[in-house]
Amino acid sequence: FQVSSKSQCNTDTGEKSLQCDVCGKSFKKKSQIKDHYRIHTGEKPHSCETCEKRFAQRSSLLRHMTIHTGEKLYSCHICGKTFRQRGNLGIHLRIHTGERPYSCITCGKTFSQSSHLLSHIRSHRGEKPYLCETCGESFSESSSLKLHKAIHTGERPHSCQTCGTRCSDQYSLKLHNAIHTGKRPHSCQTCGKTFVTRSNLLRHMRTHTGEKPYVCETCGERFTLSTSLKIICRL
């Protein structure tokens, strides 16, 4: 399999560009189109000396090597948290900006990551692909299964720095810390009630809007909370 390029000239700027004959993508430099060709040829000349995994581009190899070195090149300018990949930093920044670009078409709930939206959609469809091998209970999200497993193992790795209380997950620790701090930053604009987490506020707001996004596939009854659907439809 061979690939070739052809030179084109932008009539507006007079700049020359190199175009890939396979997919038509254009590049300014020969080195860029040379790296691009490897997508079509499958060539991976850059090899990791630690695990021998191969890459088409040297930049991809350098990113991969941080897995072995533990190096985190990208730092959040707001809180200082560091990341191995630029994309992960971009996702993290949404915590500070409040940006939630992914929206559920069923209930309108928004998410900062597409993966979180996909997991949420399963709650409407009733899909539960993650199975606990100990008791057989299934879950729509892998994170929920991980939290559930702590019931069997008794593991509580997250500790309160104020009183030493241990929790099975960071979310539970956050709720616990509110006992000490009294901090409830999320406020309902309708009645003024405050909440520790945004998710609790969103659930509360349904009491005002009357929204019932969770539907029983057996009887068609609708519910405000997914927990109500689980409890009632089990009866």
Protein backbone atom coordinates (compact mmCIF):
# COMPACT_ATOMS: atom_id res chain seq x y z
CA PHE A 1 0.00 0.00 0.00
CA GLN A 2 1.55 3.29 -1.10
CA VAL A 3 0.45 6.83 -0.47
CA SER A 4 1.37 10.03 -2.23
CA SER A 5 0.70 13.73 -1.92
CA LYS A 6 0.06 16.62 -4.23
CA SER A 7 0.88 20.28 -3.74
CA GLN A 8 -1.89 22.87 -3.76
CA CYS A 9 -1.79 26.66 -3.63
CA ASN A 10 -4.24 28.80 -1.65
CA THR A 11 -5.32 31.52 -4.08
CA ASP A 12 -6.21 33.90 -1.23
CA THR A 13 -2.97 33.70 0.76
CA GLY A 14 -0.55 32.30 -1.81
CA GLU A 15 0.50 29.61 0.69
CA LYS A 16 1.27 26.12 -0.58
CA SER A 17 -0.19 23.06 1.14
CA LEU A 18 0.38 19.32 0.82
CA GLN A 19 -2.72 17.18 0.39
CA CYS A 20 -3.02 13.48 1.22
CA ASP A 21 -4.20 11.53 -1.84
CA VAL A 22 -5.97 8.97 0.37
CA CYS A 23 -8.24 11.17 2.50
CA GLY A 24 -7.69 14.68 1.16
CA LYS A 25 -6.46 16.18 4.43
CA SER A 26 -4.05 19.10 3.94
CA PHE A 27 -0.81 19.96 5.73
CA LYS A 28 1.70 22.81 5.59
CA LYS A 29 4.85 20.78 6.25
CA LYS A 30 6.28 17.59 4.77
CA SER A 31 7.01 16.26 8.26
CA GLN A 32 3.33 16.61 9.17
CA ILE A 33 2.04 14.74 6.14
CA LYS A 34 4.72 12.08 6.65
CA ASP A 35 3.41 11.44 10.17
CA HIS A 36 -0.16 11.48 8.86
CA TYR A 37 0.53 8.82 6.21
CA ARG A 38 1.18 6.29 8.97
CA ILE A 39 -2.54 6.31 9.77
CA HIS A 40 -3.10 4.76 6.32
CA THR A 41 -0.02 2.51 6.18
CA GLY A 42 -0.21 1.28 9.78
CA GLU A 43 3.50 1.99 10.25
CA LYS A 44 4.54 2.47 13.90
CA PRO A 45 8.26 3.25 14.01
CA HIS A 46 8.38 4.62 17.57
CA SER A 47 8.73 1.98 20.27
CA CYS A 48 8.53 2.24 24.07
CA GLU A 49 11.71 0.87 25.65
CA THR A 50 9.81 -0.18 28.79
CA CYS A 51 6.85 -2.17 27.44
CA GLU A 52 7.65 -2.29 23.68
CA LYS A 53 4.30 -0.76 22.70
CA ARG A 54 4.62 0.96 19.32
CA PHE A 55 3.32 4.30 18.04
CA ALA A 56 2.98 6.07 14.71
CA GLN A 57 4.08 9.44 16.10
CA ARG A 58 6.85 10.37 18.51
CA SER A 59 4.52 12.72 20.39
CA SER A 60 2.21 9.77 21.13
CA LEU A 61 5.18 7.78 22.43
CA LEU A 62 6.20 10.65 24.73
CA ARG A 63 2.66 10.86 26.15
CA HIS A 64 2.63 7.10 26.68
CA MET A 65 5.98 7.12 28.51
CA THR A 66 4.53 9.30 31.27
CA ILE A 67 2.56 6.19 32.36
CA HIS A 68 5.87 4.58 33.30
CA THR A 69 7.62 7.68 34.65
CA GLY A 70 4.60 9.08 36.52
CA GLU A 71 5.36 12.49 35.03
CA LYS A 72 2.39 14.85 34.75
CA LEU A 73 3.13 17.61 32.27
CA TYR A 74 -0.16 19.55 32.32
CA SER A 75 -1.12 21.64 35.34
CA CYS A 76 -4.41 23.36 36.22
CA HIS A 77 -3.74 27.08 36.68
CA ILE A 78 -6.64 27.35 39.15
CA CYS A 79 -6.05 24.55 41.67
CA GLY A 80 -2.65 23.18 40.67
CA LYS A 81 -3.80 19.62 39.97
CA THR A 82 -1.61 17.93 37.37
CA PHE A 83 -2.40 15.57 34.49
CA ARG A 84 -0.53 13.37 32.05
CA GLN A 85 -2.65 14.38 29.05
CA ARG A 86 -3.86 17.78 27.84
CA GLY A 87 -7.33 16.35 27.15
CA ASN A 88 -7.75 15.29 30.78
CA LEU A 89 -6.78 18.79 31.90
CA GLY A 90 -9.46 20.22 29.61
CA ILE A 91 -12.09 17.94 31.16
CA HIS A 92 -10.91 18.88 34.66
CA LEU A 93 -11.21 22.61 33.94
CA ARG A 94 -14.97 22.16 33.53
CA ILE A 95 -15.15 21.62 37.30
CA HIS A 96 -14.04 25.24 37.72
CA THR A 97 -15.94 26.75 34.79
CA GLY A 98 -19.15 24.80 35.44
CA GLU A 99 -19.32 23.87 31.76
CA ARG A 100 -21.55 20.82 31.17
CA PRO A 101 -21.85 20.49 27.37
CA TYR A 102 -23.44 17.03 27.25
CA SER A 103 -27.21 16.91 27.80
CA CYS A 104 -29.65 14.01 28.25
CA ILE A 105 -32.51 14.33 25.74
CA THR A 106 -34.82 12.40 28.10
CA CYS A 107 -34.56 14.38 31.35
CA GLY A 108 -32.35 17.36 30.46
CA LYS A 109 -29.63 16.53 32.97
CA THR A 110 -26.25 17.85 31.85
CA PHE A 111 -22.75 16.41 32.20
CA SER A 112 -19.17 17.58 31.86
CA GLN A 113 -18.07 14.36 30.13
CA SER A 114 -19.65 12.32 27.33
CA SER A 115 -18.84 9.09 29.20
CA HIS A 116 -20.92 10.30 32.16
CA LEU A 117 -23.84 11.03 29.84
CA LEU A 118 -23.66 7.54 28.31
CA SER A 119 -23.67 5.98 31.78
CA HIS A 120 -26.66 8.14 32.76
CA ILE A 121 -28.64 7.12 29.65
CA ARG A 122 -28.48 3.52 30.88
CA SER A 123 -30.57 4.54 33.91
CA HIS A 124 -33.43 5.42 31.55
CA ARG A 125 -33.03 2.30 29.43
CA GLY A 126 -32.68 0.01 32.42
CA GLU A 127 -29.34 -1.30 31.14
CA LYS A 128 -27.10 -2.74 33.87
CA PRO A 129 -24.04 -4.32 32.27
CA TYR A 130 -21.83 -4.29 35.38
CA LEU A 131 -22.36 -7.40 37.52
CA CYS A 132 -21.15 -8.06 41.07
CA GLU A 133 -19.56 -11.51 41.07
CA THR A 134 -20.18 -11.88 44.81
CA CYS A 135 -23.94 -11.32 45.08
CA GLY A 136 -25.14 -11.02 41.48
CA GLU A 137 -26.48 -7.46 41.73
CA SER A 138 -26.01 -5.46 38.53
CA PHE A 139 -25.37 -1.75 37.92
CA SER A 140 -25.58 0.75 35.07
CA GLU A 141 -22.18 2.29 35.89
CA SER A 142 -18.81 0.73 36.64
CA SER A 143 -18.27 3.31 39.39
CA SER A 144 -21.48 2.16 41.12
CA LEU A 145 -20.25 -1.43 41.02
CA LYS A 146 -16.94 -0.34 42.53
CA LEU A 147 -18.75 1.43 45.38
CA HIS A 148 -21.00 -1.59 45.90
CA LYS A 149 -18.05 -3.97 46.23
CA ALA A 150 -16.97 -2.08 49.35
CA ILE A 151 -20.02 -3.62 51.07
CA HIS A 152 -18.47 -7.05 50.63
CA THR A 153 -14.84 -6.11 51.25
CA GLY A 154 -15.48 -3.60 54.05
CA GLU A 155 -12.84 -1.37 52.47
CA ARG A 156 -13.00 2.31 53.52
CA PRO A 157 -9.93 4.00 52.03
CA HIS A 158 -11.11 7.63 52.39
CA SER A 159 -10.53 9.23 55.79
CA CYS A 160 -11.93 12.44 57.30
CA GLN A 161 -9.04 14.70 58.34
CA THR A 162 -11.16 16.27 61.10
CA CYS A 163 -12.53 13.28 63.03
CA GLY A 164 -10.96 10.24 61.38
CA THR A 165 -14.22 8.74 60.14
CA ARG A 166 -13.53 6.48 57.18
CA CYS A 167 -15.68 6.29 54.04
CA SER A 168 -15.83 3.86 51.15
CA ASP A 169 -15.74 6.60 48.47
CA GLN A 170 -14.96 10.28 47.96
CA TYR A 171 -18.62 11.21 47.46
CA SER A 172 -19.54 9.81 50.90
CA LEU A 173 -16.56 11.62 52.40
CA LYS A 174 -17.72 14.89 50.84
CA LEU A 175 -21.17 14.46 52.37
CA HIS A 176 -19.60 13.63 55.73
CA ASN A 177 -17.29 16.67 55.67
CA ALA A 178 -20.35 18.93 55.40
CA ILE A 179 -21.13 17.97 59.02
CA HIS A 180 -17.94 19.75 60.09
CA THR A 181 -17.88 22.64 57.63
CA GLY A 182 -21.61 23.32 57.38
CA LYS A 183 -20.91 24.19 53.77
CA ARG A 184 -23.94 23.73 51.47
CA PRO A 185 -23.02 25.72 48.35
CA HIS A 186 -25.89 24.62 46.09
CA SER A 187 -29.08 26.61 46.64
CA CYS A 188 -32.60 26.15 45.21
CA GLN A 189 -33.72 29.40 43.56
CA THR A 190 -37.38 28.53 44.19
CA CYS A 191 -37.46 27.81 47.93
CA GLY A 192 -33.95 28.64 49.13
CA LYS A 193 -33.14 25.15 50.42
CA THR A 194 -29.42 24.40 50.25
CA PHE A 195 -27.52 21.22 49.42
CA VAL A 196 -24.02 19.81 49.71
CA THR A 197 -23.90 18.54 46.12
CA ARG A 198 -25.29 19.76 42.80
CA SER A 199 -26.84 16.35 42.09
CA ASN A 200 -28.92 16.58 45.29
CA LEU A 201 -30.08 20.06 44.26
CA LEU A 202 -31.15 18.79 40.82
CA ARG A 203 -33.13 15.95 42.41
CA HIS A 204 -34.80 18.42 44.78
CA MET A 205 -35.78 20.77 41.94
CA ARG A 206 -37.99 18.06 40.47
CA THR A 207 -40.32 18.52 43.45
CA HIS A 208 -41.03 22.01 42.08
CA THR A 209 -41.10 21.19 38.36
CA GLY A 210 -43.02 17.91 38.71
CA GLU A 211 -40.54 16.27 36.36
CA LYS A 212 -40.57 12.45 36.49
CA PRO A 213 -37.86 11.18 34.14
CA TYR A 214 -37.74 7.56 35.34
CA VAL A 215 -40.31 5.23 33.74
CA CYS A 216 -41.21 1.66 34.70
CA GLU A 217 -41.05 -0.47 31.55
CA THR A 218 -43.59 -2.91 33.01
CA CYS A 219 -46.46 -0.63 34.08
CA GLY A 220 -45.50 2.74 32.59
CA GLU A 221 -45.61 4.58 35.93
CA ARG A 222 -43.22 7.54 36.14
CA PHE A 223 -41.01 8.55 39.07
CA THR A 224 -39.04 11.58 40.20
CA LEU A 225 -36.18 9.48 41.60
CA SER A 226 -34.47 6.40 40.20
CA THR A 227 -34.48 4.93 43.73
CA SER A 228 -38.30 5.15 43.82
CA LEU A 229 -38.47 3.30 40.51
CA LYS A 230 -36.20 0.54 41.84
CA ILE A 231 -38.09 0.12 45.13
CA ILE A 232 -41.68 0.22 43.82
CA CYS A 233 -41.14 -1.81 40.67
CA ARG A 234 -39.49 -4.58 42.66
CA LEU A 235 -42.72 -5.12 44.60
